[in-house]
Amino acid sequence: MALVALAVLFSTPANAQGSLKFGLKAGLNVTDMHFNGEVFDKSNQAGWFAGPTLKLSLPIVGLGVDASALYDYRSAKVSDGVEEQTVKQQQIAIPVNLRYSIGLGSSANIFFFAGPQWGFNLGDKDFKWAKGSSYALKKSNFSVNLGFGVTALKHLQVSANYNIACGKTADVSWKTATDKIGEATGLKKGNSRNNSWQIGVAYFF
């Protein structure tokens, strides 16, 4: 689906080529990891992203599309109550957004955007704990972006968005205490979803 969206960008008529702009984008992730259990604690979520981006202005005033191919890094310290590890997620993220801009003069505007994002895992998949807990990242994931931003001097863009995971990012398992003396008798299964606030800066040539 991402390739189809990119193909649409490059299939515009020749007289619209001036509205297609290439740029570079980078920014910070503030990851919010949600577990469907109460055993794992998490802290110190951080990360960053960077990569090329495209922006296309559509014939309808104010509407446009942007697409990027970003190296996306996220990490968080996760504890199962006994030990602590840093879980790192490295992926290629491909967001494709529909955007609506409101002009603030000839060289600036504010814009709002939303769209799907596909992520493909590049880093380690499995994280193990000695006491039997584990955290296994998915090979790919799907999420949705909702955000806003400002364009200044026609080239510089600053944006903020919330990236919402639409499926589980990882499978989680940990030992559970099922009797009064706290003896571990089995493994409890769960999953994790990694939502993230993202603040980005892009420059279009």
N, C-alpha and C. Protein backbone atom coordinates (compact mmCIF):
# COMPACT_ATOMS: atom_id res chain seq x y z
N MET A 1 0.82 -1.21 0.00
CA MET A 1 0.00 0.00 0.00
C MET A 1 0.86 1.26 0.00
N ALA A 2 2.00 1.20 0.73
CA ALA A 2 2.90 2.35 0.75
C ALA A 2 3.48 2.60 -0.63
N LEU A 3 3.85 1.53 -1.35
CA LEU A 3 4.39 1.68 -2.70
C LEU A 3 3.36 2.27 -3.65
N VAL A 4 2.09 1.87 -3.49
CA VAL A 4 1.03 2.44 -4.32
C VAL A 4 0.91 3.93 -4.06
N ALA A 5 0.97 4.33 -2.77
CA ALA A 5 0.87 5.75 -2.44
C ALA A 5 2.02 6.54 -3.04
N LEU A 6 3.24 5.98 -2.99
CA LEU A 6 4.39 6.66 -3.59
C LEU A 6 4.26 6.74 -5.10
N ALA A 7 3.69 5.69 -5.70
CA ALA A 7 3.50 5.71 -7.15
C ALA A 7 2.54 6.82 -7.56
N VAL A 8 1.52 7.07 -6.74
CA VAL A 8 0.59 8.16 -7.02
C VAL A 8 1.32 9.49 -7.02
N LEU A 9 2.28 9.66 -6.08
CA LEU A 9 3.04 10.89 -6.03
C LEU A 9 3.80 11.15 -7.33
N PHE A 10 4.38 10.09 -7.90
CA PHE A 10 5.22 10.26 -9.08
C PHE A 10 4.44 10.17 -10.40
N SER A 11 3.14 9.90 -10.32
CA SER A 11 2.35 9.79 -11.54
C SER A 11 1.58 11.07 -11.83
N THR A 12 1.92 12.20 -11.22
CA THR A 12 1.24 13.45 -11.45
C THR A 12 1.60 14.00 -12.83
N PRO A 13 0.74 14.83 -13.44
CA PRO A 13 1.02 15.41 -14.74
C PRO A 13 2.27 16.29 -14.71
N ALA A 14 2.84 16.50 -15.89
CA ALA A 14 4.08 17.27 -15.97
C ALA A 14 3.91 18.69 -15.46
N ASN A 15 2.71 19.28 -15.66
CA ASN A 15 2.52 20.66 -15.22
C ASN A 15 2.40 20.77 -13.70
N ALA A 16 2.41 19.63 -12.99
CA ALA A 16 2.32 19.68 -11.53
C ALA A 16 3.66 19.36 -10.89
N GLN A 17 4.71 19.20 -11.71
CA GLN A 17 6.00 18.81 -11.16
C GLN A 17 6.57 19.85 -10.20
N GLY A 18 6.20 21.12 -10.43
CA GLY A 18 6.70 22.18 -9.56
C GLY A 18 6.16 22.07 -8.15
N SER A 19 5.04 21.34 -7.96
CA SER A 19 4.44 21.23 -6.63
C SER A 19 4.98 20.04 -5.86
N LEU A 20 5.87 19.26 -6.45
CA LEU A 20 6.48 18.13 -5.78
C LEU A 20 7.84 18.56 -5.23
N LYS A 21 8.01 18.45 -3.91
CA LYS A 21 9.24 18.89 -3.28
C LYS A 21 9.89 17.74 -2.51
N PHE A 22 11.21 17.71 -2.58
CA PHE A 22 12.00 16.70 -1.87
C PHE A 22 12.69 17.36 -0.68
N GLY A 23 12.78 16.62 0.43
CA GLY A 23 13.43 17.17 1.60
C GLY A 23 14.01 16.11 2.51
N LEU A 24 14.55 16.57 3.63
CA LEU A 24 15.08 15.70 4.67
C LEU A 24 14.36 16.00 5.97
N LYS A 25 14.08 14.95 6.74
CA LYS A 25 13.30 15.10 7.96
C LYS A 25 13.99 14.38 9.11
N ALA A 26 13.92 14.96 10.31
CA ALA A 26 14.49 14.34 11.50
C ALA A 26 13.71 14.82 12.72
N GLY A 27 13.79 14.04 13.80
CA GLY A 27 13.07 14.45 14.99
C GLY A 27 13.24 13.49 16.14
N LEU A 28 12.43 13.69 17.19
CA LEU A 28 12.50 12.93 18.42
C LEU A 28 11.24 12.13 18.66
N ASN A 29 11.39 10.94 19.24
CA ASN A 29 10.28 10.12 19.70
C ASN A 29 10.19 10.16 21.22
N VAL A 30 8.99 10.26 21.74
CA VAL A 30 8.75 10.06 23.17
C VAL A 30 7.75 8.91 23.26
N THR A 31 8.24 7.70 23.51
CA THR A 31 7.44 6.49 23.39
C THR A 31 6.61 6.24 24.63
N ASP A 32 5.36 5.83 24.41
CA ASP A 32 4.45 5.47 25.49
C ASP A 32 4.10 4.00 25.31
N MET A 33 4.69 3.12 26.14
CA MET A 33 4.51 1.68 26.00
C MET A 33 3.37 1.20 26.89
N HIS A 34 2.36 0.56 26.28
CA HIS A 34 1.21 0.04 27.02
C HIS A 34 1.26 -1.48 27.07
N PHE A 35 1.18 -2.05 28.25
CA PHE A 35 1.13 -3.50 28.43
C PHE A 35 -0.27 -3.90 28.88
N ASN A 36 -0.75 -5.08 28.43
CA ASN A 36 -2.05 -5.56 28.88
C ASN A 36 -1.92 -6.41 30.14
N GLY A 37 -0.99 -6.04 31.00
CA GLY A 37 -0.80 -6.68 32.30
C GLY A 37 -0.17 -5.67 33.23
N GLU A 38 -0.02 -6.00 34.49
CA GLU A 38 0.47 -5.04 35.47
C GLU A 38 1.85 -5.40 36.00
N VAL A 39 2.53 -6.36 35.40
CA VAL A 39 3.82 -6.80 35.93
C VAL A 39 4.96 -5.91 35.45
N PHE A 40 4.96 -5.56 34.18
CA PHE A 40 6.09 -4.82 33.62
C PHE A 40 5.96 -3.32 33.91
N ASP A 41 7.02 -2.75 34.43
CA ASP A 41 7.13 -1.31 34.57
C ASP A 41 8.06 -0.79 33.49
N LYS A 42 7.86 0.47 33.10
CA LYS A 42 8.72 1.03 32.06
C LYS A 42 9.06 2.48 32.41
N SER A 43 10.22 2.93 31.92
CA SER A 43 10.66 4.29 32.19
C SER A 43 11.67 4.71 31.13
N ASN A 44 12.00 6.01 31.15
CA ASN A 44 13.06 6.55 30.29
C ASN A 44 12.83 6.23 28.82
N GLN A 45 11.63 6.48 28.32
CA GLN A 45 11.35 6.25 26.91
C GLN A 45 11.99 7.36 26.07
N ALA A 46 12.68 6.97 25.01
CA ALA A 46 13.34 7.96 24.18
C ALA A 46 13.58 7.38 22.80
N GLY A 47 13.92 8.25 21.85
CA GLY A 47 14.23 7.78 20.51
C GLY A 47 14.33 8.92 19.53
N TRP A 48 14.61 8.59 18.28
CA TRP A 48 14.74 9.59 17.24
C TRP A 48 14.45 8.96 15.89
N PHE A 49 14.29 9.79 14.86
CA PHE A 49 14.04 9.32 13.51
C PHE A 49 14.66 10.29 12.52
N ALA A 50 14.99 9.79 11.32
CA ALA A 50 15.58 10.64 10.28
C ALA A 50 15.46 9.94 8.93
N GLY A 51 15.35 10.75 7.86
CA GLY A 51 15.29 10.17 6.52
C GLY A 51 14.73 11.13 5.49
N PRO A 52 14.66 10.71 4.24
CA PRO A 52 14.13 11.55 3.16
C PRO A 52 12.62 11.66 3.21
N THR A 53 12.09 12.75 2.67
CA THR A 53 10.65 12.96 2.65
C THR A 53 10.24 13.67 1.36
N LEU A 54 9.01 13.47 0.94
CA LEU A 54 8.43 14.11 -0.25
C LEU A 54 7.14 14.82 0.13
N LYS A 55 6.87 15.93 -0.53
CA LYS A 55 5.63 16.68 -0.30
C LYS A 55 5.03 17.07 -1.64
N LEU A 56 3.76 16.75 -1.83
CA LEU A 56 3.06 17.05 -3.08
C LEU A 56 1.83 17.89 -2.80
N SER A 57 1.72 19.04 -3.48
CA SER A 57 0.52 19.87 -3.40
C SER A 57 -0.49 19.41 -4.44
N LEU A 58 -1.71 19.13 -4.00
CA LEU A 58 -2.77 18.67 -4.90
C LEU A 58 -3.48 19.85 -5.55
N PRO A 59 -4.22 19.60 -6.65
CA PRO A 59 -4.91 20.70 -7.34
C PRO A 59 -5.95 21.41 -6.48
N ILE A 60 -6.49 20.74 -5.46
CA ILE A 60 -7.46 21.37 -4.57
C ILE A 60 -6.70 22.27 -3.59
N VAL A 61 -7.12 23.52 -3.46
CA VAL A 61 -6.41 24.50 -2.64
C VAL A 61 -6.31 24.01 -1.19
N GLY A 62 -5.09 24.01 -0.70
CA GLY A 62 -4.85 23.65 0.70
C GLY A 62 -4.52 22.19 0.93
N LEU A 63 -4.89 21.32 0.00
CA LEU A 63 -4.67 19.89 0.20
C LEU A 63 -3.31 19.45 -0.34
N GLY A 64 -2.72 18.47 0.32
CA GLY A 64 -1.47 17.92 -0.13
C GLY A 64 -1.24 16.54 0.46
N VAL A 65 -0.18 15.90 0.01
CA VAL A 65 0.20 14.57 0.48
C VAL A 65 1.69 14.59 0.77
N ASP A 66 2.10 13.93 1.85
CA ASP A 66 3.53 13.77 2.07
C ASP A 66 3.82 12.31 2.40
N ALA A 67 5.02 11.87 2.07
CA ALA A 67 5.46 10.49 2.33
C ALA A 67 6.94 10.52 2.69
N SER A 68 7.33 9.64 3.61
CA SER A 68 8.72 9.61 4.06
C SER A 68 9.19 8.17 4.21
N ALA A 69 10.50 7.98 4.20
CA ALA A 69 11.13 6.70 4.53
C ALA A 69 12.14 6.99 5.63
N LEU A 70 11.80 6.64 6.87
CA LEU A 70 12.55 7.09 8.04
C LEU A 70 13.19 5.92 8.78
N TYR A 71 14.44 6.10 9.19
CA TYR A 71 15.02 5.20 10.18
C TYR A 71 14.49 5.65 11.54
N ASP A 72 13.81 4.75 12.24
CA ASP A 72 13.10 5.10 13.47
C ASP A 72 13.65 4.26 14.63
N TYR A 73 14.16 4.92 15.65
CA TYR A 73 14.76 4.24 16.81
C TYR A 73 13.98 4.60 18.07
N ARG A 74 13.59 3.58 18.84
CA ARG A 74 12.87 3.80 20.09
C ARG A 74 13.46 2.87 21.16
N SER A 75 13.50 3.36 22.40
CA SER A 75 14.01 2.51 23.48
C SER A 75 13.26 2.84 24.76
N ALA A 76 13.25 1.86 25.68
CA ALA A 76 12.65 2.07 26.99
C ALA A 76 13.24 1.07 27.97
N LYS A 77 13.42 1.48 29.22
CA LYS A 77 13.84 0.56 30.26
C LYS A 77 12.61 -0.15 30.81
N VAL A 78 12.62 -1.47 30.74
CA VAL A 78 11.47 -2.27 31.14
C VAL A 78 11.90 -3.23 32.24
N SER A 79 11.07 -3.35 33.30
CA SER A 79 11.37 -4.22 34.43
C SER A 79 10.24 -5.22 34.64
N ASP A 80 10.59 -6.48 34.94
CA ASP A 80 9.59 -7.50 35.25
C ASP A 80 9.42 -7.69 36.75
N GLY A 81 9.93 -6.74 37.52
CA GLY A 81 9.83 -6.83 38.96
C GLY A 81 11.07 -7.40 39.62
N VAL A 82 11.92 -8.06 38.84
CA VAL A 82 13.15 -8.66 39.35
C VAL A 82 14.36 -8.05 38.65
N GLU A 83 14.32 -8.01 37.34
CA GLU A 83 15.43 -7.49 36.57
C GLU A 83 14.95 -6.40 35.63
N GLU A 84 15.90 -5.61 35.15
CA GLU A 84 15.59 -4.51 34.24
C GLU A 84 16.43 -4.64 32.97
N GLN A 85 15.80 -4.39 31.83
CA GLN A 85 16.51 -4.37 30.56
C GLN A 85 16.05 -3.18 29.74
N THR A 86 16.91 -2.77 28.82
CA THR A 86 16.54 -1.73 27.87
C THR A 86 16.10 -2.39 26.57
N VAL A 87 14.84 -2.20 26.22
CA VAL A 87 14.29 -2.74 24.98
C VAL A 87 14.47 -1.69 23.88
N LYS A 88 15.11 -2.09 22.78
CA LYS A 88 15.37 -1.18 21.67
C LYS A 88 14.61 -1.64 20.43
N GLN A 89 13.90 -0.72 19.83
CA GLN A 89 13.19 -1.01 18.58
C GLN A 89 13.79 -0.17 17.46
N GLN A 90 14.32 -0.83 16.42
CA GLN A 90 14.86 -0.14 15.26
C GLN A 90 14.06 -0.58 14.04
N GLN A 91 13.56 0.38 13.27
CA GLN A 91 12.70 0.03 12.14
C GLN A 91 12.81 1.06 11.03
N ILE A 92 12.38 0.66 9.84
CA ILE A 92 12.15 1.60 8.75
C ILE A 92 10.66 1.94 8.79
N ALA A 93 10.36 3.20 9.00
CA ALA A 93 8.98 3.66 9.09
C ALA A 93 8.61 4.40 7.81
N ILE A 94 7.44 4.08 7.25
CA ILE A 94 6.97 4.72 6.01
C ILE A 94 5.60 5.35 6.30
N PRO A 95 5.59 6.63 6.71
CA PRO A 95 4.32 7.34 6.89
C PRO A 95 3.86 7.99 5.59
N VAL A 96 2.56 7.92 5.31
CA VAL A 96 1.95 8.59 4.16
C VAL A 96 0.77 9.39 4.70
N ASN A 97 0.84 10.71 4.61
CA ASN A 97 -0.16 11.57 5.25
C ASN A 97 -0.89 12.46 4.24
N LEU A 98 -2.17 12.64 4.48
CA LEU A 98 -2.95 13.67 3.80
C LEU A 98 -2.91 14.91 4.66
N ARG A 99 -2.63 16.06 4.06
CA ARG A 99 -2.47 17.28 4.85
C ARG A 99 -3.31 18.42 4.30
N TYR A 100 -3.73 19.31 5.19
CA TYR A 100 -4.50 20.49 4.81
C TYR A 100 -3.80 21.72 5.39
N SER A 101 -3.46 22.67 4.51
CA SER A 101 -2.70 23.86 4.91
C SER A 101 -3.55 25.11 4.87
N ILE A 102 -3.29 26.01 5.81
CA ILE A 102 -3.94 27.32 5.86
C ILE A 102 -2.85 28.38 5.77
N GLY A 103 -2.91 29.21 4.74
CA GLY A 103 -1.86 30.18 4.49
C GLY A 103 -1.76 31.27 5.54
N LEU A 104 -0.51 31.65 5.84
CA LEU A 104 -0.23 32.78 6.75
C LEU A 104 0.65 33.79 6.01
N GLY A 105 0.23 34.16 4.82
CA GLY A 105 1.04 35.02 3.98
C GLY A 105 1.66 34.22 2.85
N SER A 106 2.56 34.82 2.12
CA SER A 106 3.12 34.19 0.93
C SER A 106 4.17 33.13 1.23
N SER A 107 4.75 33.13 2.42
CA SER A 107 5.85 32.21 2.69
C SER A 107 5.66 31.35 3.93
N ALA A 108 4.46 31.33 4.51
CA ALA A 108 4.24 30.55 5.73
C ALA A 108 2.83 30.00 5.76
N ASN A 109 2.64 28.89 6.46
CA ASN A 109 1.31 28.32 6.66
C ASN A 109 1.33 27.40 7.88
N ILE A 110 0.12 27.12 8.37
CA ILE A 110 -0.04 26.06 9.36
C ILE A 110 -0.77 24.92 8.67
N PHE A 111 -0.53 23.70 9.11
CA PHE A 111 -1.16 22.56 8.44
C PHE A 111 -1.51 21.47 9.46
N PHE A 112 -2.48 20.67 9.08
CA PHE A 112 -2.92 19.53 9.87
C PHE A 112 -2.80 18.29 8.99
N PHE A 113 -2.43 17.16 9.58
CA PHE A 113 -2.23 15.97 8.76
C PHE A 113 -2.63 14.70 9.50
N ALA A 114 -2.94 13.68 8.72
CA ALA A 114 -3.30 12.38 9.26
C ALA A 114 -3.04 11.33 8.19
N GLY A 115 -2.67 10.12 8.62
CA GLY A 115 -2.45 9.06 7.64
C GLY A 115 -1.85 7.82 8.26
N PRO A 116 -1.74 6.77 7.46
CA PRO A 116 -1.19 5.50 7.95
C PRO A 116 0.33 5.48 7.95
N GLN A 117 0.88 4.57 8.73
CA GLN A 117 2.33 4.37 8.77
C GLN A 117 2.63 2.88 8.87
N TRP A 118 3.60 2.43 8.08
CA TRP A 118 4.05 1.04 8.12
C TRP A 118 5.46 1.00 8.68
N GLY A 119 5.75 0.06 9.58
CA GLY A 119 7.07 -0.07 10.17
C GLY A 119 7.61 -1.49 9.97
N PHE A 120 8.89 -1.60 9.62
CA PHE A 120 9.54 -2.89 9.36
C PHE A 120 10.77 -3.01 10.25
N ASN A 121 10.76 -4.00 11.15
CA ASN A 121 11.79 -4.15 12.17
C ASN A 121 13.16 -4.45 11.55
N LEU A 122 14.20 -3.74 12.01
CA LEU A 122 15.57 -3.94 11.55
C LEU A 122 16.49 -4.48 12.63
N GLY A 123 16.15 -4.25 13.89
CA GLY A 123 17.04 -4.59 14.99
C GLY A 123 16.75 -5.95 15.59
N ASP A 124 17.22 -6.15 16.82
CA ASP A 124 16.99 -7.39 17.54
C ASP A 124 15.50 -7.62 17.74
N LYS A 125 15.11 -8.88 17.65
CA LYS A 125 13.70 -9.21 17.79
C LYS A 125 13.36 -9.67 19.20
N ASP A 126 14.26 -10.44 19.84
CA ASP A 126 13.97 -11.07 21.13
C ASP A 126 14.81 -10.47 22.25
N PHE A 127 14.16 -10.21 23.38
CA PHE A 127 14.81 -9.74 24.59
C PHE A 127 14.42 -10.67 25.72
N LYS A 128 15.41 -11.30 26.37
CA LYS A 128 15.14 -12.33 27.38
C LYS A 128 15.54 -11.84 28.77
N TRP A 129 14.79 -12.32 29.77
CA TRP A 129 15.13 -12.12 31.17
C TRP A 129 15.48 -13.47 31.78
N ALA A 130 16.44 -13.48 32.71
CA ALA A 130 16.91 -14.74 33.29
C ALA A 130 15.82 -15.45 34.08
N LYS A 131 14.85 -14.73 34.59
CA LYS A 131 13.81 -15.33 35.43
C LYS A 131 12.63 -15.85 34.61
N GLY A 132 12.75 -15.90 33.32
CA GLY A 132 11.70 -16.49 32.51
C GLY A 132 10.85 -15.52 31.73
N SER A 133 11.07 -14.23 31.89
CA SER A 133 10.29 -13.25 31.16
C SER A 133 10.93 -12.99 29.79
N SER A 134 10.12 -12.63 28.82
CA SER A 134 10.65 -12.34 27.49
C SER A 134 9.82 -11.28 26.81
N TYR A 135 10.41 -10.65 25.78
CA TYR A 135 9.78 -9.57 25.04
C TYR A 135 10.20 -9.74 23.58
N ALA A 136 9.26 -10.04 22.69
CA ALA A 136 9.57 -10.36 21.30
C ALA A 136 8.88 -9.36 20.37
N LEU A 137 9.67 -8.56 19.66
CA LEU A 137 9.14 -7.56 18.73
C LEU A 137 8.60 -8.22 17.47
N LYS A 138 7.54 -7.65 16.91
CA LYS A 138 7.00 -8.11 15.64
C LYS A 138 7.90 -7.68 14.48
N LYS A 139 7.84 -8.44 13.37
CA LYS A 139 8.64 -8.09 12.19
C LYS A 139 8.14 -6.82 11.52
N SER A 140 6.85 -6.54 11.64
CA SER A 140 6.28 -5.34 11.04
C SER A 140 5.11 -4.88 11.89
N ASN A 141 4.74 -3.62 11.74
CA ASN A 141 3.60 -3.09 12.47
C ASN A 141 2.92 -1.98 11.69
N PHE A 142 1.70 -1.71 12.07
CA PHE A 142 0.89 -0.69 11.40
C PHE A 142 0.41 0.32 12.44
N SER A 143 0.47 1.61 12.09
CA SER A 143 0.04 2.64 13.02
C SER A 143 -0.58 3.80 12.23
N VAL A 144 -1.10 4.79 12.95
CA VAL A 144 -1.75 5.95 12.34
C VAL A 144 -1.17 7.21 12.97
N ASN A 145 -0.93 8.23 12.15
CA ASN A 145 -0.42 9.51 12.63
C ASN A 145 -1.52 10.57 12.63
N LEU A 146 -1.56 11.40 13.66
CA LEU A 146 -2.43 12.57 13.74
C LEU A 146 -1.57 13.73 14.23
N GLY A 147 -1.54 14.84 13.47
CA GLY A 147 -0.67 15.91 13.91
C GLY A 147 -0.92 17.24 13.24
N PHE A 148 -0.03 18.19 13.55
CA PHE A 148 -0.12 19.55 13.00
C PHE A 148 1.28 20.10 12.89
N GLY A 149 1.42 21.23 12.18
CA GLY A 149 2.74 21.81 12.03
C GLY A 149 2.70 23.20 11.44
N VAL A 150 3.88 23.77 11.25
CA VAL A 150 4.04 25.11 10.69
C VAL A 150 5.13 25.07 9.63
N THR A 151 4.87 25.69 8.49
CA THR A 151 5.88 25.87 7.45
C THR A 151 6.29 27.34 7.41
N ALA A 152 7.59 27.63 7.42
CA ALA A 152 8.10 28.99 7.39
C ALA A 152 9.13 29.14 6.28
N LEU A 153 9.16 30.30 5.66
CA LEU A 153 10.12 30.63 4.61
C LEU A 153 10.07 29.64 3.45
N LYS A 154 8.93 28.98 3.27
CA LYS A 154 8.65 28.05 2.17
C LYS A 154 9.45 26.75 2.23
N HIS A 155 10.49 26.68 3.04
CA HIS A 155 11.37 25.51 3.04
C HIS A 155 11.41 24.77 4.37
N LEU A 156 11.27 25.49 5.47
CA LEU A 156 11.44 24.90 6.80
C LEU A 156 10.08 24.50 7.38
N GLN A 157 10.01 23.28 7.89
CA GLN A 157 8.76 22.77 8.44
C GLN A 157 9.01 22.18 9.83
N VAL A 158 8.18 22.54 10.79
CA VAL A 158 8.22 21.98 12.14
C VAL A 158 6.86 21.35 12.42
N SER A 159 6.86 20.11 12.92
CA SER A 159 5.61 19.40 13.13
C SER A 159 5.62 18.61 14.42
N ALA A 160 4.42 18.29 14.91
CA ALA A 160 4.25 17.42 16.08
C ALA A 160 3.08 16.50 15.80
N ASN A 161 3.21 15.23 16.15
CA ASN A 161 2.13 14.29 15.91
C ASN A 161 2.14 13.17 16.93
N TYR A 162 1.00 12.51 17.04
CA TYR A 162 0.89 11.32 17.90
C TYR A 162 0.76 10.11 16.99
N ASN A 163 1.68 9.16 17.16
CA ASN A 163 1.68 7.93 16.38
C ASN A 163 0.99 6.84 17.20
N ILE A 164 -0.15 6.35 16.70
CA ILE A 164 -1.00 5.42 17.44
C ILE A 164 -0.86 4.02 16.86
N ALA A 165 -0.37 3.08 17.66
CA ALA A 165 -0.23 1.69 17.21
C ALA A 165 -1.61 1.06 17.05
N CYS A 166 -1.84 0.43 15.89
CA CYS A 166 -3.14 -0.20 15.61
C CYS A 166 -3.11 -1.71 15.81
N GLY A 167 -2.01 -2.23 16.28
CA GLY A 167 -1.88 -3.65 16.58
C GLY A 167 -0.78 -3.81 17.59
N LYS A 168 -0.57 -5.02 18.07
CA LYS A 168 0.47 -5.23 19.07
C LYS A 168 1.85 -5.09 18.44
N THR A 169 2.74 -4.41 19.16
CA THR A 169 4.11 -4.21 18.70
C THR A 169 5.00 -5.37 19.12
N ALA A 170 4.64 -6.03 20.23
CA ALA A 170 5.47 -7.11 20.74
C ALA A 170 4.62 -8.08 21.54
N ASP A 171 5.10 -9.33 21.60
CA ASP A 171 4.52 -10.33 22.50
C ASP A 171 5.34 -10.36 23.79
N VAL A 172 4.63 -10.39 24.91
CA VAL A 172 5.27 -10.35 26.21
C VAL A 172 4.87 -11.59 27.01
N SER A 173 5.83 -12.17 27.71
CA SER A 173 5.51 -13.27 28.62
C SER A 173 6.31 -13.10 29.91
N TRP A 174 5.72 -13.46 31.02
CA TRP A 174 6.41 -13.37 32.29
C TRP A 174 5.85 -14.40 33.26
N LYS A 175 6.68 -14.78 34.24
CA LYS A 175 6.25 -15.74 35.25
C LYS A 175 5.25 -15.08 36.20
N THR A 176 4.23 -15.84 36.62
CA THR A 176 3.22 -15.31 37.52
C THR A 176 3.17 -16.10 38.81
N ALA A 177 2.91 -15.42 39.90
CA ALA A 177 2.77 -16.07 41.20
C ALA A 177 1.28 -16.34 41.44
N THR A 178 0.90 -17.59 41.59
CA THR A 178 -0.51 -17.94 41.66
C THR A 178 -0.93 -18.49 43.01
N ASP A 179 -0.03 -18.48 44.00
CA ASP A 179 -0.46 -18.91 45.33
C ASP A 179 0.05 -17.93 46.37
N LYS A 180 -0.34 -18.14 47.62
CA LYS A 180 -0.08 -17.16 48.66
C LYS A 180 1.40 -17.01 48.98
N ILE A 181 2.19 -18.05 48.80
CA ILE A 181 3.60 -17.96 49.13
C ILE A 181 4.43 -17.43 47.97
N GLY A 182 3.78 -17.12 46.85
CA GLY A 182 4.46 -16.46 45.75
C GLY A 182 5.27 -17.38 44.87
N GLU A 183 4.97 -18.69 44.89
CA GLU A 183 5.73 -19.63 44.04
C GLU A 183 5.34 -19.43 42.58
N ALA A 184 6.33 -19.29 41.70
CA ALA A 184 6.04 -19.11 40.28
C ALA A 184 5.65 -20.45 39.68
N THR A 185 4.45 -20.52 39.11
CA THR A 185 3.93 -21.80 38.61
C THR A 185 3.64 -21.79 37.12
N GLY A 186 3.90 -20.69 36.44
CA GLY A 186 3.60 -20.70 35.01
C GLY A 186 3.95 -19.39 34.36
N LEU A 187 3.66 -19.31 33.08
CA LEU A 187 3.93 -18.10 32.30
C LEU A 187 2.63 -17.43 31.93
N LYS A 188 2.61 -16.14 32.08
CA LYS A 188 1.46 -15.33 31.67
C LYS A 188 1.79 -14.66 30.34
N LYS A 189 0.88 -14.71 29.40
CA LYS A 189 1.11 -14.12 28.08
C LYS A 189 0.42 -12.77 27.98
N GLY A 190 1.01 -11.91 27.20
CA GLY A 190 0.42 -10.60 26.98
C GLY A 190 1.01 -9.98 25.74
N ASN A 191 0.76 -8.68 25.55
CA ASN A 191 1.36 -7.98 24.42
C ASN A 191 1.60 -6.53 24.78
N SER A 192 2.36 -5.87 23.94
CA SER A 192 2.71 -4.47 24.17
C SER A 192 2.37 -3.66 22.92
N ARG A 193 1.92 -2.44 23.15
CA ARG A 193 1.67 -1.49 22.06
C ARG A 193 2.49 -0.23 22.33
N ASN A 194 3.26 0.19 21.33
CA ASN A 194 4.15 1.34 21.50
C ASN A 194 3.60 2.54 20.76
N ASN A 195 2.90 3.42 21.48
CA ASN A 195 2.49 4.69 20.92
C ASN A 195 3.61 5.70 21.14
N SER A 196 3.59 6.80 20.37
CA SER A 196 4.71 7.73 20.49
C SER A 196 4.29 9.14 20.07
N TRP A 197 4.69 10.12 20.89
CA TRP A 197 4.67 11.52 20.46
C TRP A 197 5.93 11.77 19.65
N GLN A 198 5.79 12.47 18.53
CA GLN A 198 6.93 12.74 17.66
C GLN A 198 6.99 14.23 17.34
N ILE A 199 8.18 14.80 17.48
CA ILE A 199 8.44 16.19 17.12
C ILE A 199 9.48 16.19 16.02
N GLY A 200 9.13 16.76 14.86
CA GLY A 200 10.02 16.68 13.71
C GLY A 200 10.32 18.02 13.08
N VAL A 201 11.46 18.08 12.41
CA VAL A 201 11.87 19.23 11.62
C VAL A 201 12.24 18.74 10.23
N ALA A 202 11.73 19.40 9.21
CA ALA A 202 12.04 19.02 7.83
C ALA A 202 12.47 20.25 7.04
N TYR A 203 13.37 20.02 6.09
CA TYR A 203 13.77 21.09 5.18
C TYR A 203 13.55 20.59 3.75
N PHE A 204 12.77 21.37 2.96
CA PHE A 204 12.46 21.02 1.59
C PHE A 204 13.28 21.91 0.64
N PHE A 205 13.89 21.27 -0.35
CA PHE A 205 14.77 21.99 -1.28
C PHE A 205 13.98 22.62 -2.42
